[in-house]
Amino acid sequence: MGQRPRPTVRTALAGAACALCACAVGPDFTRPAPPETPSYTAEPTPGVMAPGAGEAEQHLALAQELSAKWWELFRSPALDELVTRALAGSPSLAQARATLAKAQEAVSAARGDFFPQVDLDASGQRSRAPSLLSGSSSRSKNLYSVGARVSYVLDVFGGVRRGVEQQAALAEHQRYELAAAWLSLTGEAATQSVTIASLRAQIDAAQEVIAQDRQNVELVRRKLQAGKVARADLLIAQTQLASDRAQLPPLRQQLAVARHAVSALAGQLPAQWAPPDFDLESFELPGELPLSLPSELARQRPDILSAEAQLHAASAAVGVATAALYPSLTLSGSITQEALEVASLFSGAGTAWALAGELAAPLFHGGTLRAERRAAIADYQASLASYQQTVVQAFQQVADALRALAHDAELVGAQQEHLDIARESLSIQRVSYEAGKTDLLRLLDSERSYQEARQGLAQAQGQRLQDTVQLFVALGGGWWQAGI
């Protein structure tokens, strides 16, 4: 009896050695190579974007790394405070962190399959059986048992290793999803802040024009009382005043929506907290724009890295499905103490033990296992296409932002020139009308042109700031330096 376990022990040791030497089936994941392109756009992007007309210039700094606190480049204390509040109170960011923690625990749970599984069994039983001998009475007896069971799956074909690899890749995916949430939150906070500033500038312009319209109405009314103009002129002036006043409610509604959006970004109800009143003058346009090399973009954008992690998980899933086609080997053992009395447990006389090895090989599953492997391969191909699409969209966003900034510089310069001319024309037309040398329609046309120029410049300046934000976000926002 003492010699019988030896072949089983030798078999177990041989199986363990085989498992250590075995290679995991299925494909080994290789990171996709970044796109080989020297630039983001087909046409050359100007290194210096100079609007003229006294507006600020911007310079591209190629191969320069972007700071994690990129919003500080706008030199706005109010924006810095808003982003800090948003990062501390955002429910979406808290959700992403909790999801990441869940994924990391799933990795730890999967790694548990690398180790033997040990369970403790204990039982107590009391029974009575009738005696088969005539004249003898039945007796009751107790049976106590305490023991441990050990089982270990030899990962000969790497199914367990591929499963852990898959869970680790999914955890990486969630980490990059957290980075994407961080980047989206900071980018949206900056964008909405600029939106508030631009809308307030447009409202100020509209209110200035309305004030001029009221002056025009009073001027025409005095001329009408003096008999110098017809009543039709007064109606025209009043119509223009009503038309310009009608532009205010939509602008105020857009401003309210932007302010409510900022409150939500900070995790606050609109009635609980209101953002500060941002002004365009409170933002300093970054003069130097750090621009990553195209070859580096695929290694720093969180959405690209997230898609790559999903591709890795899909690759590992192919290995899991492939390993299921091969035999599995399980070693198990148990040791038990049995006694009729509790005090007699662990005395040695009631010790029982067992060692076993189990080999299971799939023979016929109706095609299920091979179908699952084909499905895993198809899922990998879908993940690869999704990764490629994510890369294409990322490069498109950077290209769009670069071209937008170049066009913004041209637009800001043109709008500033338009405003200067419209302001001078309005001044001349007002003096001319008061002197009776021109009619009311020319004065109103000059005012309309001035209003359009004021609002157009505010929109262009706001758009230039927003496109600068979009470029920083499109480049990844330096999230890897934020300790995520």
Foldseek 3Di string as FASTA:
>chain_A
DVPVCVVVVVVVVVLQVLLVPADADFDDDDFDAFDPDFDLDPDDFDQKFALDPPDAIAGEDEADDAALPNVCLFVFPLLVVLLVLLVVAAPVLVVLVVVLVVLVVVLVVLVVLQDKDKDKDWDKDKDWDADPDPPDGIDIFMKIKIKMKIKHWRCNNCLSVLVSQLSVLLSQLSVLVSLLVSLVLSLLSLLLLLLLQLLVLLLVLLVVLLVVLVVLLVLVVVCVVVVNDDVVQNVVSVVLNVVSVVVNVVSVVSNVVSQQVSCNSSVHGSVPDTRDRHHLVSTDARRYAYDYGSSCLCVFASVLSSLSSNLSSLSSQLSNLVSLQAKIKMKMKMKMFMDRDPVCTPVPPRIDMDIDMDIDHDDDDPCVSVVSSVVSVVVSVVSVVVSVVVSVVLSVLLVVLSVQLSVLSNQLSVLSVQLVVLVVQLVVVVVCVSVVNDDPVSNSVSSVSNSCSSSSNSVSSSSNSSSSSSNCSSSNSNSVVVVD
